[in-house]
């Protein structure tokens, strides 16, 4: 009986640790992988046709070309992205990441 309980616990813990990513999570991970590997086409492929970007850094609904010009140069500094938290509710995905830079800094970023 104890072996059965241990086996069930082990199987359930293994199954939950390998939960599959949702479609939105896959898009977010592909986006950041493009930054990690410095491949613009991988990043741009994740954008919707009506994509705009807004941030507190004086970016108010800038388009793809403006985003590429202003934000893409940072890709050269990104060494690794670690996904801390992804929360999906309806049409929204909130993502918290840690970005490790080539000059050994760690940056936390939140995307919605």
C-alpha atoms as a PDB file:
ATOM      1  CA  UNK A   1       0.000   0.000   0.000  1.00  0.00           C
ATOM      2  CA  UNK A   2       2.808   2.416   0.850  1.00  0.00           C
ATOM      3  CA  UNK A   3       4.499   1.616  -2.472  1.00  0.00           C
ATOM      4  CA  UNK A   4       1.263   2.415  -4.296  1.00  0.00           C
ATOM      5  CA  UNK A   5       0.910   5.779  -2.541  1.00  0.00           C
ATOM      6  CA  UNK A   6       4.552   6.656  -3.240  1.00  0.00           C
ATOM      7  CA  UNK A   7       4.156   5.620  -6.880  1.00  0.00           C
ATOM      8  CA  UNK A   8       1.022   7.736  -7.324  1.00  0.00           C
ATOM      9  CA  UNK A   9       2.725  10.726  -5.699  1.00  0.00           C
ATOM     10  CA  UNK A  10       5.808  10.324  -7.922  1.00  0.00           C
ATOM     11  CA  UNK A  11       3.783   9.971 -11.132  1.00  0.00           C
ATOM     12  CA  UNK A  12       1.571  12.966 -10.343  1.00  0.00           C
ATOM     13  CA  UNK A  13       4.571  15.169  -9.515  1.00  0.00           C
ATOM     14  CA  UNK A  14       6.326  14.225 -12.757  1.00  0.00           C
ATOM     15  CA  UNK A  15       3.197  14.856 -14.806  1.00  0.00           C
ATOM     16  CA  UNK A  16       2.575  18.302 -13.330  1.00  0.00           C
ATOM     17  CA  UNK A  17       6.182  19.433 -13.743  1.00  0.00           C
ATOM     18  CA  UNK A  18       5.983  18.944 -17.513  1.00  0.00           C
ATOM     19  CA  UNK A  19       2.767  20.817 -18.224  1.00  0.00           C
ATOM     20  CA  UNK A  20       2.537  21.952 -21.817  1.00  0.00           C
ATOM     21  CA  UNK A  21       2.770  25.627 -22.691  1.00  0.00           C
ATOM     22  CA  UNK A  22      -0.270  27.427 -24.050  1.00  0.00           C
ATOM     23  CA  UNK A  23      -0.227  29.073 -27.475  1.00  0.00           C
ATOM     24  CA  UNK A  24       0.305  32.505 -25.894  1.00  0.00           C
ATOM     25  CA  UNK A  25       3.203  31.224 -23.781  1.00  0.00           C
ATOM     26  CA  UNK A  26       4.826  29.715 -26.885  1.00  0.00           C
ATOM     27  CA  UNK A  27       4.584  33.064 -28.691  1.00  0.00           C
ATOM     28  CA  UNK A  28       6.156  34.892 -25.734  1.00  0.00           C
ATOM     29  CA  UNK A  29       8.977  32.352 -25.490  1.00  0.00           C
ATOM     30  CA  UNK A  30       9.619  32.509 -29.264  1.00  0.00           C
ATOM     31  CA  UNK A  31       9.770  36.321 -28.996  1.00  0.00           C
ATOM     32  CA  UNK A  32      12.382  36.248 -26.239  1.00  0.00           C
ATOM     33  CA  UNK A  33      14.321  33.432 -27.936  1.00  0.00           C
ATOM     34  CA  UNK A  34      14.680  35.748 -30.934  1.00  0.00           C
ATOM     35  CA  UNK A  35      16.281  38.317 -28.636  1.00  0.00           C
ATOM     36  CA  UNK A  36      18.551  35.689 -27.045  1.00  0.00           C
ATOM     37  CA  UNK A  37      19.733  34.443 -30.433  1.00  0.00           C
ATOM     38  CA  UNK A  38      19.742  37.902 -32.020  1.00  0.00           C
ATOM     39  CA  UNK A  39      17.360  36.882 -34.836  1.00  0.00           C
ATOM     40  CA  UNK A  40      15.037  39.747 -35.773  1.00  0.00           C
ATOM     41  CA  UNK A  41      12.814  37.601 -38.010  1.00  0.00           C
ATOM     42  CA  UNK A  42      12.022  35.309 -35.056  1.00  0.00           C
ATOM     43  CA  UNK A  43      10.911  38.314 -33.019  1.00  0.00           C
ATOM     44  CA  UNK A  44       8.956  39.991 -35.824  1.00  0.00           C
ATOM     45  CA  UNK A  45       7.147  36.736 -36.671  1.00  0.00           C
ATOM     46  CA  UNK A  46       5.409  36.911 -33.271  1.00  0.00           C
ATOM     47  CA  UNK A  47       3.802  40.320 -33.901  1.00  0.00           C
ATOM     48  CA  UNK A  48       0.158  40.719 -34.886  1.00  0.00           C
ATOM     49  CA  UNK A  49      -0.545  42.707 -38.063  1.00  0.00           C
ATOM     50  CA  UNK A  50      -1.662  45.708 -35.988  1.00  0.00           C
ATOM     51  CA  UNK A  51       1.229  45.470 -33.479  1.00  0.00           C
ATOM     52  CA  UNK A  52       2.139  48.566 -31.486  1.00  0.00           C
ATOM     53  CA  UNK A  53       4.506  48.871 -28.538  1.00  0.00           C
ATOM     54  CA  UNK A  54       4.036  51.046 -25.477  1.00  0.00           C
ATOM     55  CA  UNK A  55       6.362  51.502 -22.516  1.00  0.00           C
ATOM     56  CA  UNK A  56       7.053  54.049 -19.774  1.00  0.00           C
ATOM     57  CA  UNK A  57      10.187  55.009 -21.747  1.00  0.00           C
ATOM     58  CA  UNK A  58       8.365  57.496 -24.002  1.00  0.00           C
ATOM     59  CA  UNK A  59       7.081  54.772 -26.347  1.00  0.00           C
ATOM     60  CA  UNK A  60       3.427  55.469 -27.054  1.00  0.00           C
ATOM     61  CA  UNK A  61       2.018  52.883 -29.465  1.00  0.00           C
ATOM     62  CA  UNK A  62       5.072  52.859 -31.740  1.00  0.00           C
ATOM     63  CA  UNK A  63       4.875  50.652 -34.832  1.00  0.00           C
ATOM     64  CA  UNK A  64       7.094  47.706 -35.812  1.00  0.00           C
ATOM     65  CA  UNK A  65       9.675  49.806 -37.679  1.00  0.00           C
ATOM     66  CA  UNK A  66       9.997  52.238 -34.764  1.00  0.00           C
ATOM     67  CA  UNK A  67      10.232  49.311 -32.341  1.00  0.00           C
ATOM     68  CA  UNK A  68      13.001  47.722 -34.410  1.00  0.00           C
ATOM     69  CA  UNK A  69      14.925  50.977 -34.609  1.00  0.00           C
ATOM     70  CA  UNK A  70      14.577  51.844 -30.926  1.00  0.00           C
ATOM     71  CA  UNK A  71      14.469  48.475 -29.107  1.00  0.00           C
ATOM     72  CA  UNK A  72      16.164  45.878 -31.313  1.00  0.00           C
ATOM     73  CA  UNK A  73      19.749  47.108 -30.672  1.00  0.00           C
ATOM     74  CA  UNK A  74      19.386  45.836 -27.083  1.00  0.00           C
ATOM     75  CA  UNK A  75      19.318  42.260 -28.431  1.00  0.00           C
ATOM     76  CA  UNK A  76      23.110  42.352 -28.639  1.00  0.00           C
ATOM     77  CA  UNK A  77      23.281  42.630 -24.846  1.00  0.00           C
ATOM     78  CA  UNK A  78      20.875  39.799 -23.999  1.00  0.00           C
ATOM     79  CA  UNK A  79      22.606  36.592 -22.999  1.00  0.00           C
ATOM     80  CA  UNK A  80      19.761  34.583 -21.440  1.00  0.00           C
ATOM     81  CA  UNK A  81      16.100  34.970 -20.506  1.00  0.00           C
ATOM     82  CA  UNK A  82      14.630  33.152 -17.527  1.00  0.00           C
ATOM     83  CA  UNK A  83      10.844  32.866 -17.292  1.00  0.00           C
ATOM     84  CA  UNK A  84       9.838  33.612 -13.704  1.00  0.00           C
ATOM     85  CA  UNK A  85       6.056  33.675 -13.997  1.00  0.00           C
ATOM     86  CA  UNK A  86       3.423  33.413 -16.705  1.00  0.00           C
ATOM     87  CA  UNK A  87      -0.202  34.050 -15.845  1.00  0.00           C
ATOM     88  CA  UNK A  88      -2.872  33.669 -18.487  1.00  0.00           C
ATOM     89  CA  UNK A  89      -6.468  34.777 -18.109  1.00  0.00           C
ATOM     90  CA  UNK A  90      -8.713  34.967 -21.137  1.00  0.00           C
ATOM     91  CA  UNK A  91      -6.986  36.909 -23.899  1.00  0.00           C
ATOM     92  CA  UNK A  92      -4.235  38.252 -21.615  1.00  0.00           C
ATOM     93  CA  UNK A  93      -0.832  36.789 -20.775  1.00  0.00           C
ATOM     94  CA  UNK A  94       1.243  38.455 -18.057  1.00  0.00           C
ATOM     95  CA  UNK A  95       4.882  37.513 -18.174  1.00  0.00           C
ATOM     96  CA  UNK A  96       7.665  38.185 -15.671  1.00  0.00           C
ATOM     97  CA  UNK A  97      11.178  37.476 -16.923  1.00  0.00           C
ATOM     98  CA  UNK A  98      14.732  37.928 -15.738  1.00  0.00           C
ATOM     99  CA  UNK A  99      17.102  38.978 -18.478  1.00  0.00           C
ATOM    100  CA  UNK A 100      20.795  38.247 -18.037  1.00  0.00           C
ATOM    101  CA  UNK A 101      23.010  40.602 -19.999  1.00  0.00           C
ATOM    102  CA  UNK A 102      26.416  40.185 -21.597  1.00  0.00           C
ATOM    103  CA  UNK A 103      27.852  42.602 -19.012  1.00  0.00           C
ATOM    104  CA  UNK A 104      26.589  40.373 -16.149  1.00  0.00           C
ATOM    105  CA  UNK A 105      23.603  42.433 -15.110  1.00  0.00           C
ATOM    106  CA  UNK A 106      20.163  41.087 -14.320  1.00  0.00           C
ATOM    107  CA  UNK A 107      17.061  42.951 -15.446  1.00  0.00           C
ATOM    108  CA  UNK A 108      13.476  42.082 -14.557  1.00  0.00           C
ATOM    109  CA  UNK A 109      10.820  42.850 -17.116  1.00  0.00           C
ATOM    110  CA  UNK A 110       7.039  42.518 -17.113  1.00  0.00           C
ATOM    111  CA  UNK A 111       5.078  42.152 -20.359  1.00  0.00           C
ATOM    112  CA  UNK A 112       1.316  42.040 -20.722  1.00  0.00           C
END
